[in-house]
Amino acid sequence: PVPTLAVAGRDAVFPIHRIYCVGRNF
């Protein structure tokens, strides 16, 4: 199944394509 995230206050889900992470940004 397509990974998803819930959307606050909505009857909807957000389908996830990729996850990028920024290193040492603080």
PDB file of all heavy atoms in Angstrom:
ATOM      1  N   PRO A   1       0.835  -1.210   0.000  1.00  0.00           N
ATOM      2  CA  PRO A   1       0.000   0.000   0.000  1.00  0.00           C
ATOM      3  C   PRO A   1       0.866   1.256   0.000  1.00  0.00           C
ATOM      4  O   PRO A   1       2.009   1.245   0.449  1.00  0.00           O
ATOM      5  CB  PRO A   1      -0.798  -0.124   1.306  1.00  0.00           C
ATOM      6  CG  PRO A   1      -0.004  -1.051   2.169  1.00  0.00           C
ATOM      7  CD  PRO A   1       0.675  -1.994   1.238  1.00  0.00           C
ATOM      8  N   VAL A   2       0.319   2.346  -0.501  1.00  0.00           N
ATOM      9  CA  VAL A   2       1.031   3.619  -0.533  1.00  0.00           C
ATOM     10  C   VAL A   2       1.115   4.180   0.891  1.00  0.00           C
ATOM     11  O   VAL A   2       0.083   4.321   1.563  1.00  0.00           O
ATOM     12  CB  VAL A   2       0.302   4.625  -1.448  1.00  0.00           C
ATOM     13  CG1 VAL A   2       0.980   5.992  -1.393  1.00  0.00           C
ATOM     14  CG2 VAL A   2       0.246   4.098  -2.869  1.00  0.00           C
ATOM     15  N   PRO A   3       2.310   4.493   1.390  1.00  0.00           N
ATOM     16  CA  PRO A   3       2.412   5.101   2.721  1.00  0.00           C
ATOM     17  C   PRO A   3       1.721   6.467   2.733  1.00  0.00           C
ATOM     18  O   PRO A   3       1.797   7.227   1.754  1.00  0.00           O
ATOM     19  CB  PRO A   3       3.923   5.243   2.933  1.00  0.00           C
ATOM     20  CG  PRO A   3       4.544   4.276   1.983  1.00  0.00           C
ATOM     21  CD  PRO A   3       3.640   4.249   0.791  1.00  0.00           C
ATOM     22  N   THR A   4       1.070   6.797   3.837  1.00  0.00           N
ATOM     23  CA  THR A   4       0.327   8.046   3.937  1.00  0.00           C
ATOM     24  C   THR A   4       0.507   8.682   5.305  1.00  0.00           C
ATOM     25  O   THR A   4       0.927   8.029   6.265  1.00  0.00           O
ATOM     26  CB  THR A   4      -1.179   7.821   3.700  1.00  0.00           C
ATOM     27  OG1 THR A   4      -1.694   6.943   4.705  1.00  0.00           O
ATOM     28  CG2 THR A   4      -1.450   7.239   2.319  1.00  0.00           C
ATOM     29  N   LEU A   5       0.164   9.961   5.376  1.00  0.00           N
ATOM     30  CA  LEU A   5       0.047  10.682   6.640  1.00  0.00           C
ATOM     31  C   LEU A   5      -1.358  11.253   6.750  1.00  0.00           C
ATOM     32  O   LEU A   5      -1.941  11.691   5.737  1.00  0.00           O
ATOM     33  CB  LEU A   5       1.058  11.828   6.720  1.00  0.00           C
ATOM     34  CG  LEU A   5       2.471  11.498   7.182  1.00  0.00           C
ATOM     35  CD1 LEU A   5       3.350  12.752   7.103  1.00  0.00           C
ATOM     36  CD2 LEU A   5       2.473  10.941   8.597  1.00  0.00           C
ATOM     37  N   ALA A   6      -1.884  11.282   7.957  1.00  0.00           N
ATOM     38  CA  ALA A   6      -3.172  11.921   8.185  1.00  0.00           C
ATOM     39  C   ALA A   6      -3.025  13.431   8.024  1.00  0.00           C
ATOM     40  O   ALA A   6      -1.944  14.000   8.196  1.00  0.00           O
ATOM     41  CB  ALA A   6      -3.673  11.585   9.585  1.00  0.00           C
ATOM     42  N   VAL A   7      -4.127  14.088   7.690  1.00  0.00           N
ATOM     43  CA  VAL A   7      -4.176  15.539   7.593  1.00  0.00           C
ATOM     44  C   VAL A   7      -5.062  16.051   8.713  1.00  0.00           C
ATOM     45  O   VAL A   7      -6.222  15.637   8.838  1.00  0.00           O
ATOM     46  CB  VAL A   7      -4.722  15.989   6.225  1.00  0.00           C
ATOM     47  CG1 VAL A   7      -4.794  17.513   6.160  1.00  0.00           C
ATOM     48  CG2 VAL A   7      -3.849  15.446   5.098  1.00  0.00           C
ATOM     49  N   ALA A   8      -4.519  16.927   9.546  1.00  0.00           N
ATOM     50  CA  ALA A   8      -5.250  17.422  10.711  1.00  0.00           C
ATOM     51  C   ALA A   8      -6.518  18.155  10.288  1.00  0.00           C
ATOM     52  O   ALA A   8      -6.494  19.026   9.414  1.00  0.00           O
ATOM     53  CB  ALA A   8      -4.353  18.365  11.520  1.00  0.00           C
ATOM     54  N   GLY A   9      -7.634  17.765  10.898  1.00  0.00           N
ATOM     55  CA  GLY A   9      -8.896  18.430  10.638  1.00  0.00           C
ATOM     56  C   GLY A   9      -9.524  18.117   9.302  1.00  0.00           C
ATOM     57  O   GLY A   9     -10.485  18.777   8.887  1.00  0.00           O
ATOM     58  N   ARG A  10      -8.979  17.105   8.596  1.00  0.00           N
ATOM     59  CA  ARG A  10      -9.516  16.761   7.281  1.00  0.00           C
ATOM     60  C   ARG A  10      -9.787  15.255   7.219  1.00  0.00           C
ATOM     61  O   ARG A  10      -9.079  14.462   7.818  1.00  0.00           O
ATOM     62  CB  ARG A  10      -8.519  17.105   6.166  1.00  0.00           C
ATOM     63  CG  ARG A  10      -8.008  18.529   6.158  1.00  0.00           C
ATOM     64  CD  ARG A  10      -9.065  19.520   5.668  1.00  0.00           C
ATOM     65  NE  ARG A  10      -8.484  20.792   5.263  1.00  0.00           N
ATOM     66  CZ  ARG A  10      -8.120  21.766   6.102  1.00  0.00           C
ATOM     67  NH1 ARG A  10      -8.253  21.586   7.417  1.00  0.00           N
ATOM     68  NH2 ARG A  10      -7.628  22.904   5.639  1.00  0.00           N
ATOM     69  N   ASP A  11     -10.798  14.886   6.461  1.00  0.00           N
ATOM     70  CA  ASP A  11     -11.051  13.471   6.195  1.00  0.00           C
ATOM     71  C   ASP A  11     -10.286  13.097   4.934  1.00  0.00           C
ATOM     72  O   ASP A  11     -10.861  12.799   3.882  1.00  0.00           O
ATOM     73  CB  ASP A  11     -12.547  13.219   6.021  1.00  0.00           C
ATOM     74  CG  ASP A  11     -12.867  11.743   5.835  1.00  0.00           C
ATOM     75  OD1 ASP A  11     -12.011  10.905   6.202  1.00  0.00           O
ATOM     76  OD2 ASP A  11     -13.945  11.430   5.302  1.00  0.00           O
ATOM     77  N   ALA A  12      -8.962  13.156   5.034  1.00  0.00           N
ATOM     78  CA  ALA A  12      -8.101  12.931   3.871  1.00  0.00           C
ATOM     79  C   ALA A  12      -6.750  12.442   4.364  1.00  0.00           C
ATOM     80  O   ALA A  12      -6.381  12.654   5.530  1.00  0.00           O
ATOM     81  CB  ALA A  12      -7.939  14.220   3.064  1.00  0.00           C
ATOM     82  N   VAL A  13      -6.018  11.787   3.471  1.00  0.00           N
ATOM     83  CA  VAL A  13      -4.652  11.364   3.786  1.00  0.00           C
ATOM     84  C   VAL A  13      -3.719  11.873   2.695  1.00  0.00           C
ATOM     85  O   VAL A  13      -4.121  12.089   1.549  1.00  0.00           O
ATOM     86  CB  VAL A  13      -4.520   9.829   3.923  1.00  0.00           C
ATOM     87  CG1 VAL A  13      -5.264   9.333   5.141  1.00  0.00           C
ATOM     88  CG2 VAL A  13      -4.996   9.123   2.663  1.00  0.00           C
ATOM     89  N   PHE A  14      -2.472  12.071   3.054  1.00  0.00           N
ATOM     90  CA  PHE A  14      -1.448  12.607   2.163  1.00  0.00           C
ATOM     91  C   PHE A  14      -0.570  11.453   1.708  1.00  0.00           C
ATOM     92  O   PHE A  14       0.103  10.819   2.523  1.00  0.00           O
ATOM     93  CB  PHE A  14      -0.620  13.640   2.931  1.00  0.00           C
ATOM     94  CG  PHE A  14       0.474  14.299   2.127  1.00  0.00           C
ATOM     95  CD1 PHE A  14       0.235  15.477   1.440  1.00  0.00           C
ATOM     96  CD2 PHE A  14       1.755  13.758   2.087  1.00  0.00           C
ATOM     97  CE1 PHE A  14       1.245  16.107   0.725  1.00  0.00           C
ATOM     98  CE2 PHE A  14       2.769  14.374   1.372  1.00  0.00           C
ATOM     99  CZ  PHE A  14       2.520  15.550   0.683  1.00  0.00           C
ATOM    100  N   PRO A  15      -0.554  11.123   0.398  1.00  0.00           N
ATOM    101  CA  PRO A  15       0.281  10.017  -0.080  1.00  0.00           C
ATOM    102  C   PRO A  15       1.751  10.444  -0.147  1.00  0.00           C
ATOM    103  O   PRO A  15       2.070  11.509  -0.687  1.00  0.00           O
ATOM    104  CB  PRO A  15      -0.285   9.735  -1.477  1.00  0.00           C
ATOM    105  CG  PRO A  15      -0.852  11.045  -1.925  1.00  0.00           C
ATOM    106  CD  PRO A  15      -1.344  11.746  -0.679  1.00  0.00           C
ATOM    107  N   ILE A  16       2.636   9.603   0.374  1.00  0.00           N
ATOM    108  CA  ILE A  16       4.052   9.955   0.462  1.00  0.00           C
ATOM    109  C   ILE A  16       4.811   9.387  -0.735  1.00  0.00           C
ATOM    110  O   ILE A  16       4.716   8.189  -1.037  1.00  0.00           O
ATOM    111  CB  ILE A  16       4.658   9.418   1.768  1.00  0.00           C
ATOM    112  CG1 ILE A  16       3.905   9.998   2.968  1.00  0.00           C
ATOM    113  CG2 ILE A  16       6.148   9.766   1.865  1.00  0.00           C
ATOM    114  CD1 ILE A  16       4.250   9.331   4.285  1.00  0.00           C
ATOM    115  N   HIS A  17       5.579  10.240  -1.394  1.00  0.00           N
ATOM    116  CA  HIS A  17       6.394   9.825  -2.529  1.00  0.00           C
ATOM    117  C   HIS A  17       7.808   9.496  -2.080  1.00  0.00           C
ATOM    118  O   HIS A  17       8.267   8.366  -2.211  1.00  0.00           O
ATOM    119  CB  HIS A  17       6.405  10.924  -3.597  1.00  0.00           C
ATOM    120  CG  HIS A  17       7.284  10.619  -4.770  1.00  0.00           C
ATOM    121  ND1 HIS A  17       8.429  11.343  -5.062  1.00  0.00           N
ATOM    122  CD2 HIS A  17       7.197   9.669  -5.731  1.00  0.00           C
ATOM    123  CE1 HIS A  17       9.002  10.850  -6.137  1.00  0.00           C
ATOM    124  NE2 HIS A  17       8.277   9.836  -6.573  1.00  0.00           N
ATOM    125  N   ARG A  18       8.537  10.483  -1.558  1.00  0.00           N
ATOM    126  CA  ARG A  18       9.887  10.280  -1.041  1.00  0.00           C
ATOM    127  C   ARG A  18      10.052  11.046   0.262  1.00  0.00           C
ATOM    128  O   ARG A  18       9.285  11.970   0.548  1.00  0.00           O
ATOM    129  CB  ARG A  18      10.950  10.782  -2.033  1.00  0.00           C
ATOM    130  CG  ARG A  18      11.091   9.961  -3.290  1.00  0.00           C
ATOM    131  CD  ARG A  18      12.152  10.570  -4.206  1.00  0.00           C
ATOM    132  NE  ARG A  18      12.305   9.788  -5.423  1.00  0.00           N
ATOM    133  CZ  ARG A  18      12.993  10.196  -6.485  1.00  0.00           C
ATOM    134  NH1 ARG A  18      13.600  11.369  -6.480  1.00  0.00           N
ATOM    135  NH2 ARG A  18      13.074   9.425  -7.561  1.00  0.00           N
ATOM    136  N   ILE A  19      11.075  10.674   1.020  1.00  0.00           N
ATOM    137  CA  ILE A  19      11.437  11.404   2.239  1.00  0.00           C
ATOM    138  C   ILE A  19      12.883  11.861   2.103  1.00  0.00           C
ATOM    139  O   ILE A  19      13.799  11.040   1.999  1.00  0.00           O
ATOM    140  CB  ILE A  19      11.278  10.546   3.501  1.00  0.00           C
ATOM    141  CG1 ILE A  19       9.831  10.068   3.660  1.00  0.00           C
ATOM    142  CG2 ILE A  19      11.713  11.337   4.735  1.00  0.00           C
ATOM    143  CD1 ILE A  19       9.630   9.119   4.833  1.00  0.00           C
ATOM    144  N   TYR A  20      13.066  13.184   2.101  1.00  0.00           N
ATOM    145  CA  TYR A  20      14.404  13.777   2.113  1.00  0.00           C
ATOM    146  C   TYR A  20      14.665  14.347   3.501  1.00  0.00           C
ATOM    147  O   TYR A  20      13.757  14.874   4.148  1.00  0.00           O
ATOM    148  CB  TYR A  20      14.507  14.914   1.095  1.00  0.00           C
ATOM    149  CG  TYR A  20      14.263  14.515  -0.336  1.00  0.00           C
ATOM    150  CD1 TYR A  20      13.006  14.676  -0.926  1.00  0.00           C
ATOM    151  CD2 TYR A  20      15.287  14.002  -1.125  1.00  0.00           C
ATOM    152  CE1 TYR A  20      12.780  14.328  -2.252  1.00  0.00           C
ATOM    153  CE2 TYR A  20      15.069  13.645  -2.448  1.00  0.00           C
ATOM    154  CZ  TYR A  20      13.820  13.810  -3.004  1.00  0.00           C
ATOM    155  OH  TYR A  20      13.603  13.468  -4.318  1.00  0.00           O
ATOM    156  N   CYS A  21      15.906  14.278   3.941  1.00  0.00           N
ATOM    157  CA  CYS A  21      16.296  14.834   5.235  1.00  0.00           C
ATOM    158  C   CYS A  21      17.491  15.764   5.039  1.00  0.00           C
ATOM    159  O   CYS A  21      18.433  15.430   4.302  1.00  0.00           O
ATOM    160  CB  CYS A  21      16.675  13.733   6.219  1.00  0.00           C
ATOM    161  SG  CYS A  21      15.378  12.506   6.523  1.00  0.00           S
ATOM    162  N   VAL A  22      17.439  16.925   5.685  1.00  0.00           N
ATOM    163  CA  VAL A  22      18.528  17.894   5.604  1.00  0.00           C
ATOM    164  C   VAL A  22      19.462  17.657   6.781  1.00  0.00           C
ATOM    165  O   VAL A  22      19.028  17.629   7.936  1.00  0.00           O
ATOM    166  CB  VAL A  22      17.990  19.338   5.647  1.00  0.00           C
ATOM    167  CG1 VAL A  22      19.123  20.333   5.424  1.00  0.00           C
ATOM    168  CG2 VAL A  22      16.901  19.535   4.615  1.00  0.00           C
ATOM    169  N   GLY A  23      20.743  17.487   6.498  1.00  0.00           N
ATOM    170  CA  GLY A  23      21.717  17.212   7.552  1.00  0.00           C
ATOM    171  C   GLY A  23      22.262  18.476   8.186  1.00  0.00           C
ATOM    172  O   GLY A  23      22.525  19.465   7.496  1.00  0.00           O
ATOM    173  N   ARG A  24      22.404  18.460   9.505  1.00  0.00           N
ATOM    174  CA  ARG A  24      23.065  19.517  10.271  1.00  0.00           C
ATOM    175  C   ARG A  24      22.589  20.911   9.870  1.00  0.00           C
ATOM    176  O   ARG A  24      23.386  21.783   9.509  1.00  0.00           O
ATOM    177  CB  ARG A  24      24.588  19.395  10.133  1.00  0.00           C
ATOM    178  CG  ARG A  24      25.132  18.091  10.713  1.00  0.00           C
ATOM    179  CD  ARG A  24      26.637  18.093  10.827  1.00  0.00           C
ATOM    180  NE  ARG A  24      27.324  17.987   9.549  1.00  0.00           N
ATOM    181  CZ  ARG A  24      27.741  16.833   9.005  1.00  0.00           C
ATOM    182  NH1 ARG A  24      27.516  15.692   9.640  1.00  0.00           N
ATOM    183  NH2 ARG A  24      28.378  16.820   7.852  1.00  0.00           N
ATOM    184  N   ASN A  25      21.272  21.143   9.966  1.00  0.00           N
ATOM    185  CA  ASN A  25      20.692  22.413   9.530  1.00  0.00           C
ATOM    186  C   ASN A  25      20.473  23.402  10.666  1.00  0.00           C
ATOM    187  O   ASN A  25      19.983  24.501  10.437  1.00  0.00           O
ATOM    188  CB  ASN A  25      19.369  22.176   8.790  1.00  0.00           C
ATOM    189  CG  ASN A  25      18.951  23.379   7.967  1.00  0.00           C
ATOM    190  OD1 ASN A  25      19.788  24.107   7.444  1.00  0.00           O
ATOM    191  ND2 ASN A  25      17.647  23.601   7.854  1.00  0.00           N
ATOM    192  N   PHE A  26      20.801  23.025  11.900  1.00  0.00           N
ATOM    193  CA  PHE A  26      20.827  23.960  13.016  1.00  0.00           C
ATOM    194  C   PHE A  26      22.284  24.123  13.432  1.00  0.00           C
ATOM    195  O   PHE A  26      22.999  23.129  13.609  1.00  0.00           O
ATOM    196  CB  PHE A  26      20.019  23.442  14.207  1.00  0.00           C
ATOM    197  CG  PHE A  26      18.530  23.653  14.084  1.00  0.00           C
ATOM    198  CD1 PHE A  26      17.771  22.915  13.181  1.00  0.00           C
ATOM    199  CD2 PHE A  26      17.874  24.569  14.890  1.00  0.00           C
ATOM    200  CE1 PHE A  26      16.404  23.090  13.077  1.00  0.00           C
ATOM    201  CE2 PHE A  26      16.499  24.757  14.799  1.00  0.00           C
ATOM    202  CZ  PHE A  26      15.767  24.015  13.891  1.00  0.00           C
TER     203      PHE A  26
END
